[in-house]
């Protein structure tokens, strides 16, 4: 479960888009010529640099965050992506007791879908969409955690949870709708969860 430092999820998304580099002070490409695993260079050309249209190492413009704060805001995201986040949280509780688990293939599939989605967005919301999705993830996880603790006060994160309890919590769409509504009512403030 991604609880605590909201920045961590964003850095993970951006780090994956930077070919696994975790240094966020050099966002997504240095502008020098390198090759991707497929042999295609997707960095910035001289024209890109001169025009200010900076791209990350995958050739996606508008993802640099150095010196910017506009990415820490809630923007509209598709219902499909909201459902994608909800399904991930649900999996984490059923499979890993509320933790994110250690299955790299699952994690990669989750973030790959987000990366593909972000590439379809307008530049004005491209940086903020991953932030919005991570905040939604925290909102849903927090609500599920609270509901589990109400039904089993001895439960702690990572400890298996009865499927009966989870089936009851995830029955219907209350958690989903309440989380989405709460997220958009908070606006750019985001979520500050404490355990």
C-alpha atoms as a PDB file:
ATOM      1  CA  UNK A   1       0.000   0.000   0.000  1.00  0.00           C
ATOM      2  CA  UNK A   2       1.439   3.346  -0.948  1.00  0.00           C
ATOM      3  CA  UNK A   3       1.067   5.296   2.288  1.00  0.00           C
ATOM      4  CA  UNK A   4       3.075   8.199   3.530  1.00  0.00           C
ATOM      5  CA  UNK A   5       5.238  10.167   1.181  1.00  0.00           C
ATOM      6  CA  UNK A   6       2.997  11.203  -1.721  1.00  0.00           C
ATOM      7  CA  UNK A   7       6.100  12.222  -3.652  1.00  0.00           C
ATOM      8  CA  UNK A   8       7.360   8.621  -3.710  1.00  0.00           C
ATOM      9  CA  UNK A   9       4.732   7.354  -6.165  1.00  0.00           C
ATOM     10  CA  UNK A  10       5.310  10.275  -8.493  1.00  0.00           C
ATOM     11  CA  UNK A  11       9.074   9.778  -8.431  1.00  0.00           C
ATOM     12  CA  UNK A  12       8.543   6.096  -9.205  1.00  0.00           C
ATOM     13  CA  UNK A  13       6.372   6.925 -12.224  1.00  0.00           C
ATOM     14  CA  UNK A  14       8.820   9.531 -13.484  1.00  0.00           C
ATOM     15  CA  UNK A  15      11.793   7.278 -12.736  1.00  0.00           C
ATOM     16  CA  UNK A  16      10.297   4.492 -14.840  1.00  0.00           C
ATOM     17  CA  UNK A  17       9.778   6.966 -17.654  1.00  0.00           C
ATOM     18  CA  UNK A  18      13.465   7.849 -17.289  1.00  0.00           C
ATOM     19  CA  UNK A  19      14.586   4.261 -17.932  1.00  0.00           C
ATOM     20  CA  UNK A  20      14.816   3.424 -14.225  1.00  0.00           C
ATOM     21  CA  UNK A  21      16.992   6.377 -13.192  1.00  0.00           C
ATOM     22  CA  UNK A  22      15.883   7.682  -9.840  1.00  0.00           C
ATOM     23  CA  UNK A  23      17.678  11.021 -10.046  1.00  0.00           C
ATOM     24  CA  UNK A  24      14.845  13.520 -10.447  1.00  0.00           C
ATOM     25  CA  UNK A  25      17.189  16.454 -10.750  1.00  0.00           C
ATOM     26  CA  UNK A  26      17.971  15.230 -14.277  1.00  0.00           C
ATOM     27  CA  UNK A  27      14.442  14.677 -15.528  1.00  0.00           C
ATOM     28  CA  UNK A  28      13.923  12.169 -18.285  1.00  0.00           C
ATOM     29  CA  UNK A  29      16.925  12.853 -20.495  1.00  0.00           C
ATOM     30  CA  UNK A  30      20.028  14.914 -20.480  1.00  0.00           C
ATOM     31  CA  UNK A  31      19.659  15.867 -24.119  1.00  0.00           C
ATOM     32  CA  UNK A  32      22.702  13.823 -25.042  1.00  0.00           C
ATOM     33  CA  UNK A  33      22.508  11.146 -27.654  1.00  0.00           C
ATOM     34  CA  UNK A  34      21.736   7.719 -26.248  1.00  0.00           C
ATOM     35  CA  UNK A  35      19.928   4.679 -27.515  1.00  0.00           C
ATOM     36  CA  UNK A  36      16.895   2.953 -26.100  1.00  0.00           C
ATOM     37  CA  UNK A  37      16.696  -0.832 -25.892  1.00  0.00           C
ATOM     38  CA  UNK A  38      15.038  -0.817 -29.314  1.00  0.00           C
ATOM     39  CA  UNK A  39      17.882   1.188 -30.801  1.00  0.00           C
ATOM     40  CA  UNK A  40      15.818   4.322 -31.437  1.00  0.00           C
ATOM     41  CA  UNK A  41      16.874   7.596 -29.891  1.00  0.00           C
ATOM     42  CA  UNK A  42      13.865   9.390 -28.469  1.00  0.00           C
ATOM     43  CA  UNK A  43      15.566  12.285 -26.716  1.00  0.00           C
ATOM     44  CA  UNK A  44      15.654  15.937 -27.579  1.00  0.00           C
ATOM     45  CA  UNK A  45      16.855  17.197 -30.925  1.00  0.00           C
ATOM     46  CA  UNK A  46      18.509  20.578 -31.358  1.00  0.00           C
ATOM     47  CA  UNK A  47      15.182  21.891 -32.682  1.00  0.00           C
ATOM     48  CA  UNK A  48      13.420  20.616 -29.552  1.00  0.00           C
ATOM     49  CA  UNK A  49      15.936  22.312 -27.286  1.00  0.00           C
ATOM     50  CA  UNK A  50      15.777  25.589 -29.174  1.00  0.00           C
ATOM     51  CA  UNK A  51      11.973  25.634 -29.246  1.00  0.00           C
ATOM     52  CA  UNK A  52      11.555  24.634 -25.586  1.00  0.00           C
ATOM     53  CA  UNK A  53       9.668  21.436 -26.465  1.00  0.00           C
ATOM     54  CA  UNK A  54      11.583  19.143 -24.146  1.00  0.00           C
ATOM     55  CA  UNK A  55      10.947  15.391 -24.346  1.00  0.00           C
ATOM     56  CA  UNK A  56      11.817  12.603 -21.983  1.00  0.00           C
ATOM     57  CA  UNK A  57      13.865   9.589 -23.059  1.00  0.00           C
ATOM     58  CA  UNK A  58      10.767   8.007 -24.589  1.00  0.00           C
ATOM     59  CA  UNK A  59      10.061  11.004 -26.788  1.00  0.00           C
ATOM     60  CA  UNK A  60       7.184  12.238 -24.609  1.00  0.00           C
ATOM     61  CA  UNK A  61       6.988  16.004 -24.298  1.00  0.00           C
ATOM     62  CA  UNK A  62       5.819  17.772 -21.159  1.00  0.00           C
ATOM     63  CA  UNK A  63       6.972  15.398 -18.418  1.00  0.00           C
ATOM     64  CA  UNK A  64       9.923  17.298 -16.938  1.00  0.00           C
ATOM     65  CA  UNK A  65       9.311  18.409 -13.333  1.00  0.00           C
ATOM     66  CA  UNK A  66      12.558  20.145 -12.410  1.00  0.00           C
ATOM     67  CA  UNK A  67      11.752  23.640 -11.211  1.00  0.00           C
ATOM     68  CA  UNK A  68       8.012  23.116 -11.722  1.00  0.00           C
ATOM     69  CA  UNK A  69       5.197  22.724  -9.217  1.00  0.00           C
ATOM     70  CA  UNK A  70       2.212  22.624 -11.560  1.00  0.00           C
ATOM     71  CA  UNK A  71       2.245  18.822 -11.577  1.00  0.00           C
ATOM     72  CA  UNK A  72       1.024  18.673  -7.967  1.00  0.00           C
ATOM     73  CA  UNK A  73      -2.628  19.274  -8.802  1.00  0.00           C
ATOM     74  CA  UNK A  74      -5.730  17.211  -9.336  1.00  0.00           C
ATOM     75  CA  UNK A  75      -6.915  17.034 -12.950  1.00  0.00           C
ATOM     76  CA  UNK A  76      -9.657  15.098 -14.680  1.00  0.00           C
ATOM     77  CA  UNK A  77      -8.586  11.614 -15.658  1.00  0.00           C
ATOM     78  CA  UNK A  78     -10.522   8.969 -17.559  1.00  0.00           C
ATOM     79  CA  UNK A  79     -12.934   6.608 -15.837  1.00  0.00           C
ATOM     80  CA  UNK A  80     -10.864   3.740 -17.250  1.00  0.00           C
ATOM     81  CA  UNK A  81      -7.782   4.972 -15.395  1.00  0.00           C
ATOM     82  CA  UNK A  82      -9.734   5.540 -12.181  1.00  0.00           C
ATOM     83  CA  UNK A  83     -10.929   1.945 -12.447  1.00  0.00           C
ATOM     84  CA  UNK A  84      -7.358   0.805 -13.161  1.00  0.00           C
ATOM     85  CA  UNK A  85      -6.196   2.396  -9.895  1.00  0.00           C
ATOM     86  CA  UNK A  86      -9.161   0.961  -7.979  1.00  0.00           C
ATOM     87  CA  UNK A  87      -8.443  -2.536  -9.306  1.00  0.00           C
ATOM     88  CA  UNK A  88      -4.797  -2.222  -8.258  1.00  0.00           C
ATOM     89  CA  UNK A  89      -5.745  -1.239  -4.707  1.00  0.00           C
ATOM     90  CA  UNK A  90      -8.217  -4.108  -4.550  1.00  0.00           C
ATOM     91  CA  UNK A  91      -5.538  -6.564  -5.700  1.00  0.00           C
ATOM     92  CA  UNK A  92      -3.114  -5.241  -3.085  1.00  0.00           C
ATOM     93  CA  UNK A  93      -5.570  -5.888  -0.282  1.00  0.00           C
ATOM     94  CA  UNK A  94      -6.681  -9.327  -1.445  1.00  0.00           C
ATOM     95  CA  UNK A  95      -3.240 -10.566  -2.430  1.00  0.00           C
ATOM     96  CA  UNK A  96      -0.781  -8.684  -0.233  1.00  0.00           C
ATOM     97  CA  UNK A  97      -2.698  -7.589   2.862  1.00  0.00           C
ATOM     98  CA  UNK A  98      -2.783  -3.957   1.807  1.00  0.00           C
ATOM     99  CA  UNK A  99       0.829  -3.739   0.635  1.00  0.00           C
ATOM    100  CA  UNK A 100       1.988  -3.238  -2.946  1.00  0.00           C
ATOM    101  CA  UNK A 101       3.616  -6.662  -3.190  1.00  0.00           C
ATOM    102  CA  UNK A 102       6.877  -7.661  -4.801  1.00  0.00           C
ATOM    103  CA  UNK A 103       5.711  -8.884  -8.198  1.00  0.00           C
ATOM    104  CA  UNK A 104       7.689  -6.812 -10.684  1.00  0.00           C
ATOM    105  CA  UNK A 105       5.575  -7.925 -13.645  1.00  0.00           C
ATOM    106  CA  UNK A 106       2.379  -6.722 -11.907  1.00  0.00           C
ATOM    107  CA  UNK A 107       3.980  -3.408 -10.986  1.00  0.00           C
ATOM    108  CA  UNK A 108       5.336  -2.887 -14.498  1.00  0.00           C
ATOM    109  CA  UNK A 109       1.936  -3.684 -16.045  1.00  0.00           C
ATOM    110  CA  UNK A 110       0.251  -1.195 -13.709  1.00  0.00           C
ATOM    111  CA  UNK A 111       2.635   1.648 -14.544  1.00  0.00           C
ATOM    112  CA  UNK A 112       2.892   0.785 -18.248  1.00  0.00           C
ATOM    113  CA  UNK A 113      -0.834   1.408 -18.584  1.00  0.00           C
ATOM    114  CA  UNK A 114      -0.475   4.758 -16.836  1.00  0.00           C
ATOM    115  CA  UNK A 115       2.470   5.689 -19.081  1.00  0.00           C
ATOM    116  CA  UNK A 116       0.488   4.836 -22.204  1.00  0.00           C
ATOM    117  CA  UNK A 117      -2.439   6.904 -20.969  1.00  0.00           C
ATOM    118  CA  UNK A 118      -0.291   9.923 -20.106  1.00  0.00           C
ATOM    119  CA  UNK A 119       1.067  10.025 -23.664  1.00  0.00           C
ATOM    120  CA  UNK A 120      -2.471  10.607 -24.952  1.00  0.00           C
ATOM    121  CA  UNK A 121      -3.058  13.690 -22.813  1.00  0.00           C
ATOM    122  CA  UNK A 122      -2.759  17.348 -23.655  1.00  0.00           C
ATOM    123  CA  UNK A 123       0.536  18.907 -22.514  1.00  0.00           C
ATOM    124  CA  UNK A 124      -1.285  21.081 -19.986  1.00  0.00           C
ATOM    125  CA  UNK A 125      -2.364  18.056 -17.921  1.00  0.00           C
ATOM    126  CA  UNK A 126       0.352  15.553 -18.783  1.00  0.00           C
ATOM    127  CA  UNK A 127       2.463  16.129 -15.651  1.00  0.00           C
ATOM    128  CA  UNK A 128      -0.537  16.331 -13.319  1.00  0.00           C
ATOM    129  CA  UNK A 129      -2.290  13.108 -14.385  1.00  0.00           C
ATOM    130  CA  UNK A 130       0.179  10.722 -12.665  1.00  0.00           C
ATOM    131  CA  UNK A 131      -0.064  12.883  -9.527  1.00  0.00           C
ATOM    132  CA  UNK A 132      -3.862  12.671  -9.667  1.00  0.00           C
ATOM    133  CA  UNK A 133      -3.770   8.893 -10.082  1.00  0.00           C
ATOM    134  CA  UNK A 134      -1.328   8.451  -7.195  1.00  0.00           C
ATOM    135  CA  UNK A 135      -3.528  10.633  -4.990  1.00  0.00           C
ATOM    136  CA  UNK A 136      -6.552   8.535  -5.953  1.00  0.00           C
ATOM    137  CA  UNK A 137      -4.582   5.416  -5.051  1.00  0.00           C
ATOM    138  CA  UNK A 138      -3.831   6.857  -1.611  1.00  0.00           C
ATOM    139  CA  UNK A 139      -7.448   7.932  -1.111  1.00  0.00           C
ATOM    140  CA  UNK A 140      -8.862   4.489  -1.936  1.00  0.00           C
ATOM    141  CA  UNK A 141      -6.198   2.650   0.071  1.00  0.00           C
ATOM    142  CA  UNK A 142      -6.831   4.879   3.079  1.00  0.00           C
ATOM    143  CA  UNK A 143     -10.570   4.245   2.972  1.00  0.00           C
ATOM    144  CA  UNK A 144     -10.092   0.484   2.619  1.00  0.00           C
ATOM    145  CA  UNK A 145      -7.540   0.471   5.453  1.00  0.00           C
ATOM    146  CA  UNK A 146      -9.996   2.296   7.706  1.00  0.00           C
ATOM    147  CA  UNK A 147     -12.810  -0.105   6.780  1.00  0.00           C
ATOM    148  CA  UNK A 148     -10.633  -3.161   7.444  1.00  0.00           C
ATOM    149  CA  UNK A 149      -9.559  -1.807  10.847  1.00  0.00           C
ATOM    150  CA  UNK A 150     -13.186  -1.182  11.769  1.00  0.00           C
ATOM    151  CA  UNK A 151     -13.972  -4.838  11.083  1.00  0.00           C
ATOM    152  CA  UNK A 152     -10.682  -6.235  12.480  1.00  0.00           C
ATOM    153  CA  UNK A 153      -9.008  -3.811  14.911  1.00  0.00           C
ATOM    154  CA  UNK A 154      -6.005  -6.154  15.284  1.00  0.00           C
ATOM    155  CA  UNK A 155      -5.140  -6.041  11.579  1.00  0.00           C
ATOM    156  CA  UNK A 156      -1.925  -4.355  10.483  1.00  0.00           C
ATOM    157  CA  UNK A 157      -0.688  -3.645   6.957  1.00  0.00           C
ATOM    158  CA  UNK A 158       0.785  -6.726   5.307  1.00  0.00           C
ATOM    159  CA  UNK A 159      -1.165  -9.148   7.483  1.00  0.00           C
ATOM    160  CA  UNK A 160      -3.625 -11.316   5.498  1.00  0.00           C
ATOM    161  CA  UNK A 161      -7.220 -10.121   5.546  1.00  0.00           C
ATOM    162  CA  UNK A 162     -10.240 -12.384   5.546  1.00  0.00           C
ATOM    163  CA  UNK A 163     -11.790 -12.486   2.083  1.00  0.00           C
ATOM    164  CA  UNK A 164     -15.197 -12.200   3.746  1.00  0.00           C
ATOM    165  CA  UNK A 165     -14.182  -8.821   5.180  1.00  0.00           C
ATOM    166  CA  UNK A 166     -12.782  -7.649   1.835  1.00  0.00           C
ATOM    167  CA  UNK A 167     -15.790  -8.947  -0.098  1.00  0.00           C
ATOM    168  CA  UNK A 168     -18.016  -6.900   2.205  1.00  0.00           C
ATOM    169  CA  UNK A 169     -15.842  -3.757   1.874  1.00  0.00           C
ATOM    170  CA  UNK A 170     -15.591  -3.974  -1.916  1.00  0.00           C
ATOM    171  CA  UNK A 171     -19.245  -4.926  -2.441  1.00  0.00           C
ATOM    172  CA  UNK A 172     -20.980  -2.305  -4.521  1.00  0.00           C
ATOM    173  CA  UNK A 173     -19.137   0.819  -5.562  1.00  0.00           C
ATOM    174  CA  UNK A 174     -19.277   2.945  -2.413  1.00  0.00           C
ATOM    175  CA  UNK A 175     -15.520   2.947  -1.742  1.00  0.00           C
ATOM    176  CA  UNK A 176     -14.808   3.825  -5.375  1.00  0.00           C
ATOM    177  CA  UNK A 177     -17.301   6.692  -5.631  1.00  0.00           C
ATOM    178  CA  UNK A 178     -16.548   8.105  -2.177  1.00  0.00           C
ATOM    179  CA  UNK A 179     -12.817   8.091  -2.975  1.00  0.00           C
ATOM    180  CA  UNK A 180     -13.227   9.811  -6.338  1.00  0.00           C
ATOM    181  CA  UNK A 181     -15.571  12.429  -4.864  1.00  0.00           C
ATOM    182  CA  UNK A 182     -13.221  13.093  -1.940  1.00  0.00           C
ATOM    183  CA  UNK A 183     -10.233  13.408  -4.267  1.00  0.00           C
ATOM    184  CA  UNK A 184     -11.857  16.028  -6.454  1.00  0.00           C
ATOM    185  CA  UNK A 185     -13.216  17.944  -3.467  1.00  0.00           C
ATOM    186  CA  UNK A 186      -9.673  18.262  -2.069  1.00  0.00           C
ATOM    187  CA  UNK A 187      -8.427  19.810  -5.289  1.00  0.00           C
ATOM    188  CA  UNK A 188      -4.711  20.473  -5.514  1.00  0.00           C
ATOM    189  CA  UNK A 189      -4.135  19.990  -1.797  1.00  0.00           C
ATOM    190  CA  UNK A 190      -3.688  16.259  -2.276  1.00  0.00           C
ATOM    191  CA  UNK A 191      -3.674  13.726   0.485  1.00  0.00           C
ATOM    192  CA  UNK A 192      -1.477  13.639   3.551  1.00  0.00           C
ATOM    193  CA  UNK A 193      -1.952  10.187   5.037  1.00  0.00           C
ATOM    194  CA  UNK A 194      -0.483   9.083   8.326  1.00  0.00           C
ATOM    195  CA  UNK A 195      -0.370   5.563   9.666  1.00  0.00           C
END
